[in-house]
PDB file of N, CA and C in Angstrom:
ATOM      1  N   UNK A   1      27.908 157.767  -5.141  1.00  0.00           N
ATOM      2  CA  UNK A   1      28.757 158.925  -4.994  1.00  0.00           C
ATOM      3  C   UNK A   1      30.197 158.539  -5.354  1.00  0.00           C
ATOM      4  N   UNK A   2      30.802 159.289  -6.265  1.00  0.00           N
ATOM      5  CA  UNK A   2      32.163 158.971  -6.682  1.00  0.00           C
ATOM      6  C   UNK A   2      33.169 159.742  -5.835  1.00  0.00           C
ATOM      7  N   UNK A   3      34.282 159.103  -5.598  1.00  0.00           N
ATOM      8  CA  UNK A   3      35.326 159.714  -4.796  1.00  0.00           C
ATOM      9  C   UNK A   3      36.213 160.567  -5.707  1.00  0.00           C
ATOM     10  N   UNK A   4      36.493 161.796  -5.284  1.00  0.00           N
ATOM     11  CA  UNK A   4      37.366 162.664  -6.065  1.00  0.00           C
ATOM     12  C   UNK A   4      38.803 162.158  -6.000  1.00  0.00           C
ATOM     13  N   UNK A   5      39.463 162.184  -7.150  1.00  0.00           N
ATOM     14  CA  UNK A   5      40.866 161.788  -7.182  1.00  0.00           C
ATOM     15  C   UNK A   5      41.709 163.040  -6.966  1.00  0.00           C
ATOM     16  N   UNK A   6      42.731 162.948  -6.108  1.00  0.00           N
ATOM     17  CA  UNK A   6      43.545 164.128  -5.826  1.00  0.00           C
ATOM     18  C   UNK A   6      44.314 164.591  -7.057  1.00  0.00           C
ATOM     19  N   UNK A   7      44.402 165.908  -7.219  1.00  0.00           N
ATOM     20  CA  UNK A   7      45.138 166.488  -8.331  1.00  0.00           C
ATOM     21  C   UNK A   7      46.276 167.343  -7.794  1.00  0.00           C
ATOM     22  N   UNK A   8      47.336 167.422  -8.569  1.00  0.00           N
ATOM     23  CA  UNK A   8      48.480 168.258  -8.233  1.00  0.00           C
ATOM     24  C   UNK A   8      48.916 168.994  -9.496  1.00  0.00           C
ATOM     25  N   UNK A   9      49.655 170.082  -9.302  1.00  0.00           N
ATOM     26  CA  UNK A   9      50.124 170.877 -10.432  1.00  0.00           C
ATOM     27  C   UNK A   9      51.540 170.476 -10.822  1.00  0.00           C
ATOM     28  N   UNK A  10      51.739 170.242 -12.103  1.00  0.00           N
ATOM     29  CA  UNK A  10      53.068 169.918 -12.638  1.00  0.00           C
ATOM     30  C   UNK A  10      53.920 171.183 -12.640  1.00  0.00           C
ATOM     31  N   UNK A  11      55.161 171.087 -12.134  1.00  0.00           N
ATOM     32  CA  UNK A  11      56.042 172.256 -12.123  1.00  0.00           C
ATOM     33  C   UNK A  11      56.589 172.562 -13.513  1.00  0.00           C
ATOM     34  N   UNK A  12      56.442 171.626 -14.444  1.00  0.00           N
ATOM     35  CA  UNK A  12      56.915 171.848 -15.808  1.00  0.00           C
ATOM     36  C   UNK A  12      55.920 172.602 -16.669  1.00  0.00           C
ATOM     37  N   UNK A  13      54.709 172.066 -16.780  1.00  0.00           N
ATOM     38  CA  UNK A  13      53.695 172.656 -17.674  1.00  0.00           C
ATOM     39  C   UNK A  13      52.633 173.468 -16.926  1.00  0.00           C
ATOM     40  N   UNK A  14      52.677 173.442 -15.595  1.00  0.00           N
ATOM     41  CA  UNK A  14      51.703 174.155 -14.749  1.00  0.00           C
ATOM     42  C   UNK A  14      50.263 173.717 -14.947  1.00  0.00           C
ATOM     43  N   UNK A  15      50.046 172.481 -15.363  1.00  0.00           N
ATOM     44  CA  UNK A  15      48.698 171.955 -15.532  1.00  0.00           C
ATOM     45  C   UNK A  15      48.337 171.076 -14.346  1.00  0.00           C
ATOM     46  N   UNK A  16      47.067 171.124 -13.953  1.00  0.00           N
ATOM     47  CA  UNK A  16      46.569 170.257 -12.891  1.00  0.00           C
ATOM     48  C   UNK A  16      46.308 168.875 -13.487  1.00  0.00           C
ATOM     49  N   UNK A  17      46.884 167.851 -12.868  1.00  0.00           N
ATOM     50  CA  UNK A  17      46.712 166.478 -13.335  1.00  0.00           C
ATOM     51  C   UNK A  17      46.500 165.566 -12.141  1.00  0.00           C
ATOM     52  N   UNK A  18      46.011 164.346 -12.426  1.00  0.00           N
ATOM     53  CA  UNK A  18      45.834 163.368 -11.356  1.00  0.00           C
ATOM     54  C   UNK A  18      47.173 163.061 -10.706  1.00  0.00           C
ATOM     55  N   UNK A  19      47.160 163.015  -9.387  1.00  0.00           N
ATOM     56  CA  UNK A  19      48.382 162.768  -8.617  1.00  0.00           C
ATOM     57  C   UNK A  19      49.081 161.487  -9.053  1.00  0.00           C
ATOM     58  N   UNK A  20      48.288 160.456  -9.381  1.00  0.00           N
ATOM     59  CA  UNK A  20      48.864 159.163  -9.742  1.00  0.00           C
ATOM     60  C   UNK A  20      49.598 159.194 -11.086  1.00  0.00           C
ATOM     61  N   UNK A  21      49.346 160.204 -11.913  1.00  0.00           N
ATOM     62  CA  UNK A  21      49.996 160.271 -13.220  1.00  0.00           C
ATOM     63  C   UNK A  21      51.263 161.127 -13.195  1.00  0.00           C
ATOM     64  N   UNK A  22      51.639 161.611 -12.007  1.00  0.00           N
ATOM     65  CA  UNK A  22      52.805 162.479 -11.881  1.00  0.00           C
ATOM     66  C   UNK A  22      53.919 161.803 -11.089  1.00  0.00           C
ATOM     67  N   UNK A  23      55.132 162.326 -11.250  1.00  0.00           N
ATOM     68  CA  UNK A  23      56.296 161.872 -10.484  1.00  0.00           C
ATOM     69  C   UNK A  23      56.516 162.883  -9.366  1.00  0.00           C
ATOM     70  N   UNK A  24      56.766 162.410  -8.143  1.00  0.00           N
ATOM     71  CA  UNK A  24      56.973 163.294  -7.001  1.00  0.00           C
ATOM     72  C   UNK A  24      58.437 163.309  -6.598  1.00  0.00           C
ATOM     73  N   UNK A  25      58.965 164.519  -6.436  1.00  0.00           N
ATOM     74  CA  UNK A  25      60.325 164.708  -5.946  1.00  0.00           C
ATOM     75  C   UNK A  25      60.194 165.307  -4.556  1.00  0.00           C
ATOM     76  N   UNK A  26      60.920 164.756  -3.589  1.00  0.00           N
ATOM     77  CA  UNK A  26      60.765 165.147  -2.188  1.00  0.00           C
ATOM     78  C   UNK A  26      62.075 165.669  -1.620  1.00  0.00           C
ATOM     79  N   UNK A  27      61.944 166.705  -0.759  1.00  0.00           N
ATOM     80  CA  UNK A  27      63.086 167.202   0.010  1.00  0.00           C
ATOM     81  C   UNK A  27      62.808 166.935   1.478  1.00  0.00           C
ATOM     82  N   UNK A  28      63.679 166.139   2.088  1.00  0.00           N
ATOM     83  CA  UNK A  28      63.646 165.896   3.540  1.00  0.00           C
ATOM     84  C   UNK A  28      64.934 166.477   4.086  1.00  0.00           C
ATOM     85  N   UNK A  29      64.812 167.562   4.844  1.00  0.00           N
ATOM     86  CA  UNK A  29      65.973 168.306   5.315  1.00  0.00           C
ATOM     87  C   UNK A  29      66.818 168.703   4.102  1.00  0.00           C
ATOM     88  N   UNK A  30      68.032 168.178   3.956  1.00  0.00           N
ATOM     89  CA  UNK A  30      68.867 168.517   2.800  1.00  0.00           C
ATOM     90  C   UNK A  30      68.914 167.389   1.766  1.00  0.00           C
ATOM     91  N   UNK A  31      68.197 166.312   2.020  1.00  0.00           N
ATOM     92  CA  UNK A  31      68.184 165.155   1.122  1.00  0.00           C
ATOM     93  C   UNK A  31      67.059 165.307   0.103  1.00  0.00           C
ATOM     94  N   UNK A  32      67.372 165.091  -1.174  1.00  0.00           N
ATOM     95  CA  UNK A  32      66.365 165.164  -2.236  1.00  0.00           C
ATOM     96  C   UNK A  32      66.341 163.821  -2.955  1.00  0.00           C
ATOM     97  N   UNK A  33      65.128 163.304  -3.198  1.00  0.00           N
ATOM     98  CA  UNK A  33      65.012 162.019  -3.873  1.00  0.00           C
ATOM     99  C   UNK A  33      63.674 161.909  -4.591  1.00  0.00           C
ATOM    100  N   UNK A  34      63.586 160.949  -5.510  1.00  0.00           N
ATOM    101  CA  UNK A  34      62.341 160.667  -6.218  1.00  0.00           C
ATOM    102  C   UNK A  34      61.512 159.751  -5.339  1.00  0.00           C
ATOM    103  N   UNK A  35      60.277 160.167  -5.057  1.00  0.00           N
ATOM    104  CA  UNK A  35      59.384 159.406  -4.193  1.00  0.00           C
ATOM    105  C   UNK A  35      58.494 158.522  -5.062  1.00  0.00           C
ATOM    106  N   UNK A  36      58.831 157.260  -5.155  1.00  0.00           N
ATOM    107  CA  UNK A  36      58.058 156.341  -5.997  1.00  0.00           C
ATOM    108  C   UNK A  36      56.743 155.941  -5.345  1.00  0.00           C
ATOM    109  N   UNK A  37      56.642 156.049  -4.018  1.00  0.00           N
ATOM    110  CA  UNK A  37      55.405 155.679  -3.326  1.00  0.00           C
ATOM    111  C   UNK A  37      54.403 156.826  -3.296  1.00  0.00           C
ATOM    112  N   UNK A  38      54.902 158.061  -3.376  1.00  0.00           N
ATOM    113  CA  UNK A  38      54.033 159.227  -3.295  1.00  0.00           C
ATOM    114  C   UNK A  38      53.591 159.542  -1.883  1.00  0.00           C
ATOM    115  N   UNK A  39      54.207 158.889  -0.888  1.00  0.00           N
ATOM    116  CA  UNK A  39      53.763 159.055   0.499  1.00  0.00           C
ATOM    117  C   UNK A  39      54.880 159.441   1.463  1.00  0.00           C
ATOM    118  N   UNK A  40      56.076 159.690   0.951  1.00  0.00           N
ATOM    119  CA  UNK A  40      57.193 160.019   1.834  1.00  0.00           C
ATOM    120  C   UNK A  40      56.977 161.379   2.486  1.00  0.00           C
ATOM    121  N   UNK A  41      57.469 161.520   3.712  1.00  0.00           N
ATOM    122  CA  UNK A  41      57.389 162.793   4.413  1.00  0.00           C
ATOM    123  C   UNK A  41      58.330 163.793   3.767  1.00  0.00           C
ATOM    124  N   UNK A  42      57.951 165.051   3.804  1.00  0.00           N
ATOM    125  CA  UNK A  42      58.816 166.105   3.294  1.00  0.00           C
ATOM    126  C   UNK A  42      58.107 166.980   2.283  1.00  0.00           C
ATOM    127  N   UNK A  43      58.802 168.009   1.864  1.00  0.00           N
ATOM    128  CA  UNK A  43      58.286 168.958   0.880  1.00  0.00           C
ATOM    129  C   UNK A  43      58.340 168.312  -0.492  1.00  0.00           C
ATOM    130  N   UNK A  44      57.237 168.331  -1.222  1.00  0.00           N
ATOM    131  CA  UNK A  44      57.181 167.659  -2.510  1.00  0.00           C
ATOM    132  C   UNK A  44      56.892 168.586  -3.670  1.00  0.00           C
ATOM    133  N   UNK A  45      57.357 168.195  -4.834  1.00  0.00           N
ATOM    134  CA  UNK A  45      57.047 168.874  -6.088  1.00  0.00           C
ATOM    135  C   UNK A  45      56.704 167.787  -7.098  1.00  0.00           C
ATOM    136  N   UNK A  46      55.761 168.069  -7.969  1.00  0.00           N
ATOM    137  CA  UNK A  46      55.288 167.080  -8.924  1.00  0.00           C
ATOM    138  C   UNK A  46      55.626 167.498 -10.347  1.00  0.00           C
ATOM    139  N   UNK A  47      55.903 166.503 -11.188  1.00  0.00           N
ATOM    140  CA  UNK A  47      56.187 166.756 -12.600  1.00  0.00           C
ATOM    141  C   UNK A  47      55.585 165.629 -13.435  1.00  0.00           C
ATOM    142  N   UNK A  48      55.136 165.968 -14.646  1.00  0.00           N
ATOM    143  CA  UNK A  48      54.573 164.969 -15.563  1.00  0.00           C
ATOM    144  C   UNK A  48      55.632 163.943 -15.942  1.00  0.00           C
ATOM    145  N   UNK A  49      55.166 162.791 -16.377  1.00  0.00           N
ATOM    146  CA  UNK A  49      56.083 161.744 -16.834  1.00  0.00           C
ATOM    147  C   UNK A  49      56.429 161.982 -18.302  1.00  0.00           C
ATOM    148  N   UNK A  50      56.922 163.192 -18.607  1.00  0.00           N
ATOM    149  CA  UNK A  50      57.315 163.516 -19.969  1.00  0.00           C
ATOM    150  C   UNK A  50      58.651 164.250 -19.943  1.00  0.00           C
ATOM    151  N   UNK A  51      59.526 163.885 -20.861  1.00  0.00           N
ATOM    152  CA  UNK A  51      60.853 164.511 -20.927  1.00  0.00           C
ATOM    153  C   UNK A  51      60.743 166.018 -21.113  1.00  0.00           C
ATOM    154  N   UNK A  52      59.752 166.467 -21.897  1.00  0.00           N
ATOM    155  CA  UNK A  52      59.592 167.901 -22.149  1.00  0.00           C
ATOM    156  C   UNK A  52      59.319 168.664 -20.855  1.00  0.00           C
ATOM    157  N   UNK A  53      58.405 168.158 -20.037  1.00  0.00           N
ATOM    158  CA  UNK A  53      58.087 168.817 -18.760  1.00  0.00           C
ATOM    159  C   UNK A  53      59.287 168.814 -17.827  1.00  0.00           C
ATOM    160  N   UNK A  54      59.991 167.706 -17.765  1.00  0.00           N
ATOM    161  CA  UNK A  54      61.158 167.608 -16.882  1.00  0.00           C
ATOM    162  C   UNK A  54      62.240 168.582 -17.323  1.00  0.00           C
ATOM    163  N   UNK A  55      62.527 168.611 -18.631  1.00  0.00           N
ATOM    164  CA  UNK A  55      63.551 169.531 -19.150  1.00  0.00           C
ATOM    165  C   UNK A  55      63.183 170.979 -18.882  1.00  0.00           C
ATOM    166  N   UNK A  56      61.912 171.317 -19.099  1.00  0.00           N
ATOM    167  CA  UNK A  56      61.448 172.686 -18.875  1.00  0.00           C
ATOM    168  C   UNK A  56      61.575 173.062 -17.399  1.00  0.00           C
ATOM    169  N   UNK A  57      61.184 172.165 -16.509  1.00  0.00           N
ATOM    170  CA  UNK A  57      61.252 172.423 -15.073  1.00  0.00           C
ATOM    171  C   UNK A  57      62.702 172.607 -14.613  1.00  0.00           C
ATOM    172  N   UNK A  58      63.613 171.792 -15.142  1.00  0.00           N
ATOM    173  CA  UNK A  58      65.028 171.888 -14.766  1.00  0.00           C
ATOM    174  C   UNK A  58      65.628 173.170 -15.335  1.00  0.00           C
ATOM    175  N   UNK A  59      65.345 173.459 -16.606  1.00  0.00           N
ATOM    176  CA  UNK A  59      65.909 174.632 -17.274  1.00  0.00           C
ATOM    177  C   UNK A  59      65.479 175.932 -16.593  1.00  0.00           C
ATOM    178  N   UNK A  60      64.218 175.985 -16.160  1.00  0.00           N
ATOM    179  CA  UNK A  60      63.692 177.208 -15.539  1.00  0.00           C
ATOM    180  C   UNK A  60      63.793 177.190 -14.011  1.00  0.00           C
ATOM    181  N   UNK A  61      64.575 176.250 -13.466  1.00  0.00           N
ATOM    182  CA  UNK A  61      64.826 176.148 -12.020  1.00  0.00           C
ATOM    183  C   UNK A  61      63.545 176.043 -11.189  1.00  0.00           C
ATOM    184  N   UNK A  62      62.537 175.383 -11.708  1.00  0.00           N
ATOM    185  CA  UNK A  62      61.265 175.289 -10.993  1.00  0.00           C
ATOM    186  C   UNK A  62      61.322 174.335  -9.804  1.00  0.00           C
ATOM    187  N   UNK A  63      62.162 173.306  -9.887  1.00  0.00           N
ATOM    188  CA  UNK A  63      62.332 172.414  -8.730  1.00  0.00           C
ATOM    189  C   UNK A  63      63.017 173.181  -7.605  1.00  0.00           C
ATOM    190  N   UNK A  64      64.002 173.975  -7.982  1.00  0.00           N
ATOM    191  CA  UNK A  64      64.737 174.761  -6.995  1.00  0.00           C
ATOM    192  C   UNK A  64      63.795 175.740  -6.281  1.00  0.00           C
ATOM    193  N   UNK A  65      62.879 176.340  -7.026  1.00  0.00           N
ATOM    194  CA  UNK A  65      61.920 177.276  -6.423  1.00  0.00           C
ATOM    195  C   UNK A  65      60.915 176.547  -5.534  1.00  0.00           C
ATOM    196  N   UNK A  66      60.458 175.382  -5.973  1.00  0.00           N
ATOM    197  CA  UNK A  66      59.443 174.634  -5.224  1.00  0.00           C
ATOM    198  C   UNK A  66      60.013 173.956  -3.982  1.00  0.00           C
ATOM    199  N   UNK A  67      61.232 173.449  -4.085  1.00  0.00           N
ATOM    200  CA  UNK A  67      61.818 172.672  -2.991  1.00  0.00           C
ATOM    201  C   UNK A  67      62.841 173.447  -2.167  1.00  0.00           C
ATOM    202  N   UNK A  68      63.368 174.517  -2.733  1.00  0.00           N
ATOM    203  CA  UNK A  68      64.362 175.302  -2.010  1.00  0.00           C
ATOM    204  C   UNK A  68      65.775 174.768  -2.110  1.00  0.00           C
ATOM    205  N   UNK A  69      65.987 173.735  -2.923  1.00  0.00           N
ATOM    206  CA  UNK A  69      67.335 173.197  -3.152  1.00  0.00           C
ATOM    207  C   UNK A  69      67.495 172.850  -4.635  1.00  0.00           C
ATOM    208  N   UNK A  70      68.741 172.863  -5.089  1.00  0.00           N
ATOM    209  CA  UNK A  70      69.014 172.543  -6.486  1.00  0.00           C
ATOM    210  C   UNK A  70      69.069 171.028  -6.664  1.00  0.00           C
ATOM    211  N   UNK A  71      68.488 170.538  -7.778  1.00  0.00           N
ATOM    212  CA  UNK A  71      68.511 169.100  -8.054  1.00  0.00           C
ATOM    213  C   UNK A  71      69.892 168.679  -8.529  1.00  0.00           C
ATOM    214  N   UNK A  72      70.293 167.484  -8.131  1.00  0.00           N
ATOM    215  CA  UNK A  72      71.572 166.951  -8.598  1.00  0.00           C
ATOM    216  C   UNK A  72      71.389 166.343  -9.985  1.00  0.00           C
ATOM    217  N   UNK A  73      72.470 166.165 -10.663  1.00  0.00           N
ATOM    218  CA  UNK A  73      72.455 165.535 -11.990  1.00  0.00           C
ATOM    219  C   UNK A  73      71.882 164.129 -11.897  1.00  0.00           C
ATOM    220  N   UNK A  74      72.172 163.441 -10.804  1.00  0.00           N
ATOM    221  CA  UNK A  74      71.688 162.072 -10.594  1.00  0.00           C
ATOM    222  C   UNK A  74      70.157 162.040 -10.532  1.00  0.00           C
ATOM    223  N   UNK A  75      69.547 162.996  -9.849  1.00  0.00           N
ATOM    224  CA  UNK A  75      68.083 163.056  -9.759  1.00  0.00           C
ATOM    225  C   UNK A  75      67.491 163.337 -11.136  1.00  0.00           C
ATOM    226  N   UNK A  76      68.103 164.255 -11.883  1.00  0.00           N
ATOM    227  CA  UNK A  76      67.619 164.577 -13.236  1.00  0.00           C
ATOM    228  C   UNK A  76      67.665 163.337 -14.128  1.00  0.00           C
ATOM    229  N   UNK A  77      68.735 162.567 -14.048  1.00  0.00           N
ATOM    230  CA  UNK A  77      68.860 161.336 -14.837  1.00  0.00           C
ATOM    231  C   UNK A  77      67.819 160.310 -14.406  1.00  0.00           C
ATOM    232  N   UNK A  78      67.576 160.211 -13.113  1.00  0.00           N
ATOM    233  CA  UNK A  78      66.587 159.269 -12.586  1.00  0.00           C
ATOM    234  C   UNK A  78      65.182 159.646 -13.081  1.00  0.00           C
ATOM    235  N   UNK A  79      64.869 160.939 -13.108  1.00  0.00           N
ATOM    236  CA  UNK A  79      63.570 161.401 -13.622  1.00  0.00           C
ATOM    237  C   UNK A  79      63.404 161.042 -15.087  1.00  0.00           C
ATOM    238  N   UNK A  80      64.450 161.276 -15.877  1.00  0.00           N
ATOM    239  CA  UNK A  80      64.387 160.955 -17.304  1.00  0.00           C
ATOM    240  C   UNK A  80      64.212 159.465 -17.513  1.00  0.00           C
ATOM    241  N   UNK A  81      64.858 158.651 -16.692  1.00  0.00           N
ATOM    242  CA  UNK A  81      64.731 157.207 -16.801  1.00  0.00           C
ATOM    243  C   UNK A  81      63.300 156.751 -16.473  1.00  0.00           C
ATOM    244  N   UNK A  82      62.640 157.414 -15.545  1.00  0.00           N
ATOM    245  CA  UNK A  82      61.279 157.055 -15.159  1.00  0.00           C
ATOM    246  C   UNK A  82      60.252 157.350 -16.253  1.00  0.00           C
ATOM    247  N   UNK A  83      60.565 158.268 -17.162  1.00  0.00           N
ATOM    248  CA  UNK A  83      59.613 158.611 -18.216  1.00  0.00           C
ATOM    249  C   UNK A  83      59.520 157.498 -19.244  1.00  0.00           C
ATOM    250  N   UNK A  84      60.605 156.749 -19.406  1.00  0.00           N
ATOM    251  CA  UNK A  84      60.606 155.685 -20.393  1.00  0.00           C
ATOM    252  C   UNK A  84      60.865 156.198 -21.801  1.00  0.00           C
ATOM    253  N   UNK A  85      61.124 157.484 -21.923  1.00  0.00           N
ATOM    254  CA  UNK A  85      61.407 158.088 -23.236  1.00  0.00           C
ATOM    255  C   UNK A  85      62.920 158.170 -23.406  1.00  0.00           C
ATOM    256  N   UNK A  86      63.348 158.080 -24.651  1.00  0.00           N
ATOM    257  CA  UNK A  86      64.773 158.246 -24.927  1.00  0.00           C
ATOM    258  C   UNK A  86      64.995 159.678 -25.403  1.00  0.00           C
ATOM    259  N   UNK A  87      66.173 160.197 -25.088  1.00  0.00           N
ATOM    260  CA  UNK A  87      66.453 161.592 -25.446  1.00  0.00           C
ATOM    261  C   UNK A  87      66.833 161.735 -26.881  1.00  0.00           C
TER     262      UNK A  87
END
């Protein structure tokens, strides 16, 4: 019997993908940060490790809708750095 791998929806492309292939952004109270462990407490939103998905999610305010707070420029830069792609 195989164990099901958890899936989450990307806020950029709205596709269901394996949780391990996505980046998680977490809101704890008023603090927002990138959760590299995937296990931090708080409200989370997931995005693909692609610049296109991140740009689309930021442009259409999807993080703001999912988390209830606006992302800082620092978080956006950190997400882009995690993709490993150059702009």
